[in-house]
C-alpha atoms as a PDB file:
ATOM      1  CA  LYS A   1      17.384  41.192   6.300  1.00  0.00           C
ATOM      2  CA  VAL A   2      20.242  41.334   3.670  1.00  0.00           C
ATOM      3  CA  PRO A   3      23.835  39.915   5.669  1.00  0.00           C
ATOM      4  CA  LEU A   4      26.599  42.751   5.189  1.00  0.00           C
ATOM      5  CA  GLN A   5      28.671  42.130   7.876  1.00  0.00           C
ATOM      6  CA  PHE A   6      31.205  40.156   4.956  1.00  0.00           C
ATOM      7  CA  PHE A   7      31.732  43.837   3.712  1.00  0.00           C
ATOM      8  CA  PRO A   8      34.676  46.010   3.816  1.00  0.00           C
ATOM      9  CA  THR A   9      34.845  48.229   7.049  1.00  0.00           C
ATOM     10  CA  ASN A  10      36.925  51.709   7.447  1.00  0.00           C
ATOM     11  CA  ARG A  11      38.021  50.407  10.714  1.00  0.00           C
ATOM     12  CA  LYS A  12      42.423  51.761  11.147  1.00  0.00           C
ATOM     13  CA  LEU A  13      43.987  47.952  11.929  1.00  0.00           C
ATOM     14  CA  GLU A  14      45.940  47.928  14.616  1.00  0.00           C
ATOM     15  CA  PRO A  15      48.672  45.323  16.362  1.00  0.00           C
ATOM     16  CA  GLY A  16      46.992  42.184  16.931  1.00  0.00           C
ATOM     17  CA  MET A  17      44.038  42.630  14.918  1.00  0.00           C
ATOM     18  CA  PRO A  18      42.539  39.987  12.726  1.00  0.00           C
ATOM     19  CA  PHE A  19      42.094  40.877   9.342  1.00  0.00           C
ATOM     20  CA  ILE A  20      40.391  38.632   5.638  1.00  0.00           C
ATOM     21  CA  LEU A  21      42.193  39.525   2.377  1.00  0.00           C
ATOM     22  CA  ASP A  22      39.756  38.627  -0.594  1.00  0.00           C
ATOM     23  CA  MET A  23      39.901  39.010  -3.454  1.00  0.00           C
ATOM     24  CA  ALA A  24      38.470  37.636  -6.513  1.00  0.00           C
ATOM     25  CA  PRO A  25      41.253  39.091  -9.869  1.00  0.00           C
ATOM     26  CA  VAL A  26      40.070  37.835 -13.017  1.00  0.00           C
ATOM     27  CA  TYR A  27      42.173  37.738 -15.819  1.00  0.00           C
ATOM     28  CA  LYS A  28      41.563  36.741 -19.666  1.00  0.00           C
ATOM     29  CA  GLY A  29      38.021  35.602 -17.875  1.00  0.00           C
ATOM     30  CA  TYR A  30      39.495  33.073 -14.701  1.00  0.00           C
ATOM     31  CA  THR A  31      38.475  33.699 -12.001  1.00  0.00           C
ATOM     32  CA  ALA A  32      41.114  33.269  -8.946  1.00  0.00           C
ATOM     33  CA  ASP A  33      39.417  33.556  -5.855  1.00  0.00           C
ATOM     34  CA  VAL A  34      41.366  33.306  -2.725  1.00  0.00           C
ATOM     35  CA  GLY A  35      41.135  34.742   0.508  1.00  0.00           C
ATOM     36  CA  TYR A  36      42.808  34.343   3.973  1.00  0.00           C
ATOM     37  CA  SER A  37      43.226  36.111   7.469  1.00  0.00           C
ATOM     38  CA  GLY A  38      46.138  37.084   9.703  1.00  0.00           C
ATOM     39  CA  CYS A  39      47.009  39.600  11.923  1.00  0.00           C
ATOM     40  CA  LEU A  40      48.706  42.783  12.203  1.00  0.00           C
ATOM     41  CA  GLY A  41      51.683  41.496  14.883  1.00  0.00           C
ATOM     42  CA  LEU A  42      50.898  39.018  17.141  1.00  0.00           C
ATOM     43  CA  ASN A  43      47.589  36.812  18.120  1.00  0.00           C
ATOM     44  CA  PRO A  44      48.302  33.513  19.677  1.00  0.00           C
ATOM     45  CA  LEU A  45      43.658  32.998  19.400  1.00  0.00           C
ATOM     46  CA  HIS A  46      44.206  34.415  15.549  1.00  0.00           C
ATOM     47  CA  ASP A  47      47.257  31.356  15.253  1.00  0.00           C
ATOM     48  CA  ARG A  48      44.958  28.826  17.087  1.00  0.00           C
ATOM     49  CA  LEU A  49      42.022  29.452  14.588  1.00  0.00           C
ATOM     50  CA  LEU A  50      44.121  29.121  11.506  1.00  0.00           C
ATOM     51  CA  ALA A  51      45.278  25.668  12.816  1.00  0.00           C
ATOM     52  CA  ASP A  52      41.859  24.624  13.327  1.00  0.00           C
ATOM     53  CA  LEU A  53      41.287  25.123   9.784  1.00  0.00           C
ATOM     54  CA  GLU A  54      43.296  22.482   8.599  1.00  0.00           C
ATOM     55  CA  ALA A  55      40.604  19.676   9.944  1.00  0.00           C
ATOM     56  CA  HIS A  56      38.393  21.893   7.822  1.00  0.00           C
ATOM     57  CA  ARG A  57      40.312  21.406   4.490  1.00  0.00           C
ATOM     58  CA  GLU A  58      40.651  17.723   5.296  1.00  0.00           C
ATOM     59  CA  LEU A  59      36.979  16.796   6.682  1.00  0.00           C
ATOM     60  CA  ILE A  60      35.812  19.021   2.940  1.00  0.00           C
ATOM     61  CA  LEU A  61      37.880  17.097   0.855  1.00  0.00           C
ATOM     62  CA  ARG A  62      37.528  13.770   2.035  1.00  0.00           C
ATOM     63  CA  GLU A  63      33.878  14.296   1.350  1.00  0.00           C
ATOM     64  CA  VAL A  64      33.874  15.491  -1.755  1.00  0.00           C
ATOM     65  CA  ARG A  65      35.873  12.592  -2.408  1.00  0.00           C
ATOM     66  CA  GLU A  66      33.889  10.680  -1.423  1.00  0.00           C
ATOM     67  CA  ARG A  67      30.600  12.586  -3.336  1.00  0.00           C
ATOM     68  CA  ARG A  68      28.408  13.438  -0.189  1.00  0.00           C
ATOM     69  CA  SER A  69      26.173  16.398  -0.976  1.00  0.00           C
ATOM     70  CA  LEU A  70      27.067  19.609  -0.034  1.00  0.00           C
ATOM     71  CA  ARG A  71      24.872  20.293   2.861  1.00  0.00           C
ATOM     72  CA  GLU A  72      25.846  17.053   4.179  1.00  0.00           C
ATOM     73  CA  ILE A  73      29.372  18.085   4.241  1.00  0.00           C
ATOM     74  CA  TYR A  74      28.288  22.010   5.486  1.00  0.00           C
ATOM     75  CA  GLU A  75      26.605  20.160   8.373  1.00  0.00           C
ATOM     76  CA  ASP A  76      29.386  18.311   8.548  1.00  0.00           C
ATOM     77  CA  VAL A  77      31.838  20.985   8.924  1.00  0.00           C
ATOM     78  CA  GLU A  78      29.597  23.044  10.951  1.00  0.00           C
ATOM     79  CA  ARG A  79      29.508  19.905  13.511  1.00  0.00           C
ATOM     80  CA  LEU A  80      33.674  19.647  13.612  1.00  0.00           C
ATOM     81  CA  MET A  81      33.126  23.483  14.306  1.00  0.00           C
ATOM     82  CA  ALA A  82      30.777  23.322  17.996  1.00  0.00           C
ATOM     83  CA  SER A  83      33.288  20.062  18.157  1.00  0.00           C
ATOM     84  CA  GLN A  84      35.964  22.543  18.373  1.00  0.00           C
ATOM     85  CA  GLY A  85      34.309  25.248  20.272  1.00  0.00           C
ATOM     86  CA  TYR A  86      33.838  28.410  17.557  1.00  0.00           C
ATOM     87  CA  ALA A  87      30.796  29.521  15.615  1.00  0.00           C
ATOM     88  CA  ASN A  88      29.732  28.951  12.174  1.00  0.00           C
ATOM     89  CA  ARG A  89      31.043  32.974  10.676  1.00  0.00           C
ATOM     90  CA  HIS A  90      30.703  32.156   7.046  1.00  0.00           C
ATOM     91  CA  ARG A  91      26.515  32.886   7.902  1.00  0.00           C
ATOM     92  CA  ALA A  92      27.133  35.644   6.740  1.00  0.00           C
ATOM     93  CA  TYR A  93      27.872  35.852   3.316  1.00  0.00           C
ATOM     94  CA  PRO A  94      24.479  35.713   1.891  1.00  0.00           C
ATOM     95  CA  PHE A  95      22.425  32.576   2.203  1.00  0.00           C
ATOM     96  CA  GLY A  96      25.104  31.687   4.415  1.00  0.00           C
ATOM     97  CA  VAL A  97      27.392  29.655   1.540  1.00  0.00           C
ATOM     98  CA  ILE A  98      30.150  27.999   2.765  1.00  0.00           C
ATOM     99  CA  ALA A  99      31.959  27.815  -1.202  1.00  0.00           C
ATOM    100  CA  HIS A 100      30.628  28.980  -4.089  1.00  0.00           C
ATOM    101  CA  LYS A 101      31.059  27.615  -8.032  1.00  0.00           C
ATOM    102  CA  VAL A 102      33.842  29.330 -10.174  1.00  0.00           C
ATOM    103  CA  ASP A 103      33.528  29.723 -14.088  1.00  0.00           C
ATOM    104  CA  ARG A 104      34.703  32.142 -16.929  1.00  0.00           C
ATOM    105  CA  VAL A 105      34.035  35.266 -16.780  1.00  0.00           C
ATOM    106  CA  ALA A 106      32.506  37.223 -19.975  1.00  0.00           C
ATOM    107  CA  GLU A 107      35.730  39.821 -20.641  1.00  0.00           C
ATOM    108  CA  ARG A 108      34.225  43.561 -21.471  1.00  0.00           C
ATOM    109  CA  ARG A 109      36.065  46.965 -21.526  1.00  0.00           C
ATOM    110  CA  TRP A 110      33.630  48.427 -19.159  1.00  0.00           C
ATOM    111  CA  SER A 111      32.366  45.856 -16.457  1.00  0.00           C
ATOM    112  CA  PRO A 112      30.249  47.959 -13.696  1.00  0.00           C
ATOM    113  CA  GLN A 113      30.253  46.673 -10.398  1.00  0.00           C
ATOM    114  CA  VAL A 114      27.714  46.251  -7.646  1.00  0.00           C
ATOM    115  CA  PHE A 115      28.443  46.156  -4.233  1.00  0.00           C
ATOM    116  CA  GLY A 116      31.736  45.221  -4.971  1.00  0.00           C
ATOM    117  CA  PHE A 117      31.607  42.401  -7.627  1.00  0.00           C
ATOM    118  CA  GLY A 118      31.641  43.051 -11.052  1.00  0.00           C
ATOM    119  CA  THR A 119      28.746  42.122 -13.195  1.00  0.00           C
ATOM    120  CA  GLN A 120      29.698  39.865 -14.882  1.00  0.00           C
ATOM    121  CA  SER A 121      31.219  37.605 -12.354  1.00  0.00           C
ATOM    122  CA  LEU A 122      27.457  38.041 -11.201  1.00  0.00           C
ATOM    123  CA  LYS A 123      26.088  37.083 -14.831  1.00  0.00           C
ATOM    124  CA  GLY A 124      27.289  34.591 -14.392  1.00  0.00           C
ATOM    125  CA  LEU A 125      26.695  32.653 -11.385  1.00  0.00           C
ATOM    126  CA  VAL A 126      22.513  33.758 -11.745  1.00  0.00           C
ATOM    127  CA  SER A 127      23.125  32.028 -15.094  1.00  0.00           C
ATOM    128  CA  ASP A 128      24.855  28.941 -13.170  1.00  0.00           C
ATOM    129  CA  ALA A 129      22.076  29.406 -10.482  1.00  0.00           C
ATOM    130  CA  VAL A 130      19.628  29.436 -13.396  1.00  0.00           C
ATOM    131  CA  HIS A 131      21.353  26.127 -14.990  1.00  0.00           C
ATOM    132  CA  GLY A 132      21.863  24.325 -12.167  1.00  0.00           C
ATOM    133  CA  HIS A 133      17.676  24.913 -11.161  1.00  0.00           C
ATOM    134  CA  ARG A 134      16.852  23.223 -14.313  1.00  0.00           C
ATOM    135  CA  ASP A 135      19.467  20.333 -14.097  1.00  0.00           C
ATOM    136  CA  GLY A 136      18.348  19.871 -10.286  1.00  0.00           C
ATOM    137  CA  TRP A 137      21.808  21.840  -8.313  1.00  0.00           C
ATOM    138  CA  SER A 138      22.985  24.939  -7.433  1.00  0.00           C
ATOM    139  CA  PRO A 139      26.177  26.992  -7.698  1.00  0.00           C
ATOM    140  CA  LEU A 140      25.707  28.134  -4.007  1.00  0.00           C
ATOM    141  CA  TRP A 141      27.128  25.593  -1.263  1.00  0.00           C
ATOM    142  CA  SER A 142      24.819  25.915   1.910  1.00  0.00           C
ATOM    143  CA  PRO A 143      22.828  24.415   4.436  1.00  0.00           C
ATOM    144  CA  TYR A 144      19.453  24.581   2.622  1.00  0.00           C
ATOM    145  CA  SER A 145      17.759  22.413   0.962  1.00  0.00           C
ATOM    146  CA  PHE A 146      19.003  23.322  -2.946  1.00  0.00           C
ATOM    147  CA  SER A 147      22.641  22.025  -1.933  1.00  0.00           C
ATOM    148  CA  ASP A 148      21.480  18.411  -1.214  1.00  0.00           C
ATOM    149  CA  HIS A 149      23.375  17.085  -4.439  1.00  0.00           C
ATOM    150  CA  PRO A 150      27.186  16.677  -5.310  1.00  0.00           C
ATOM    151  CA  PRO A 151      29.771  18.610  -6.052  1.00  0.00           C
ATOM    152  CA  GLN A 152      29.608  19.542  -9.482  1.00  0.00           C
ATOM    153  CA  PRO A 153      32.380  19.074 -12.078  1.00  0.00           C
ATOM    154  CA  GLY A 154      34.491  23.360 -12.245  1.00  0.00           C
ATOM    155  CA  LEU A 155      36.257  25.099  -9.643  1.00  0.00           C
ATOM    156  CA  TRP A 156      34.234  25.630  -5.917  1.00  0.00           C
ATOM    157  CA  ALA A 157      35.623  28.508  -4.178  1.00  0.00           C
ATOM    158  CA  VAL A 158      35.851  26.731  -0.752  1.00  0.00           C
ATOM    159  CA  GLU A 159      35.804  28.947   2.465  1.00  0.00           C
ATOM    160  CA  PRO A 160      35.081  28.293   5.734  1.00  0.00           C
ATOM    161  CA  HIS A 161      35.078  30.848   8.476  1.00  0.00           C
ATOM    162  CA  LEU A 162      35.821  30.496  12.261  1.00  0.00           C
ATOM    163  CA  GLY A 163      34.579  32.936  15.285  1.00  0.00           C
ATOM    164  CA  PHE A 164      35.659  32.755  18.721  1.00  0.00           C
ATOM    165  CA  ARG A 165      34.872  36.222  20.782  1.00  0.00           C
ATOM    166  CA  GLY A 166      35.119  38.900  18.524  1.00  0.00           C
ATOM    167  CA  THR A 167      38.284  36.919  15.955  1.00  0.00           C
ATOM    168  CA  GLY A 168      38.065  35.279  13.243  1.00  0.00           C
ATOM    169  CA  ALA A 169      39.805  33.070  10.643  1.00  0.00           C
ATOM    170  CA  LYS A 170      39.551  31.681   7.225  1.00  0.00           C
ATOM    171  CA  PHE A 171      40.647  30.771   4.173  1.00  0.00           C
ATOM    172  CA  GLU A 172      39.268  30.532   0.548  1.00  0.00           C
ATOM    173  CA  GLU A 173      40.644  28.296  -2.357  1.00  0.00           C
ATOM    174  CA  ILE A 174      40.088  26.978  -5.116  1.00  0.00           C
ATOM    175  CA  LEU A 175      38.890  23.430  -5.297  1.00  0.00           C
ATOM    176  CA  VAL A 176      38.978  21.107  -8.735  1.00  0.00           C
ATOM    177  CA  VAL A 177      35.701  18.919  -8.530  1.00  0.00           C
ATOM    178  CA  THR A 178      36.226  16.238 -11.137  1.00  0.00           C
ATOM    179  CA  ASP A 179      33.425  13.190 -12.162  1.00  0.00           C
ATOM    180  CA  SER A 180      36.525  10.545 -12.421  1.00  0.00           C
ATOM    181  CA  LYS A 181      36.874   9.152  -9.066  1.00  0.00           C
ATOM    182  CA  ASP A 182      40.520  10.132  -8.517  1.00  0.00           C
ATOM    183  CA  PRO A 183      41.417  12.017  -5.966  1.00  0.00           C
END
């Protein structure tokens, strides 16, 4: 089954309804893959979800600095969600990823799209997957064994997504991972 829940719908936004604005513009080969949730008007539940996401940001950053494996960090994020009473909604994304590596994208005059993703971006992700598989790492941060390694140096688009009774909240931000001990 291909997860399609992350695609946009034609639903009309109504007062109090949460939404996610997730985009990855590419400028001169550089990707800014970011996303945030918000609400059209007031929604106290969504506000609470956003406040609780802060603990996830802190946990992820701390454990990346400790060089924990991607899979361990994923599992710790899931435990934190459960302790907060939330469901893991990033499992709705392909491969259930909480993050993915972001690299430079080859510029082309014309770049078709597949399922809303630029083919050059997809080509870069596939290239990373092949290269990573050969070298024992994955560009996808997931609960599966292929994520049993610390994050590779580079840019990672990190996007934990909490869900509770039909309401969700997330952030997607770029995390810079280096091979130095400095934060």
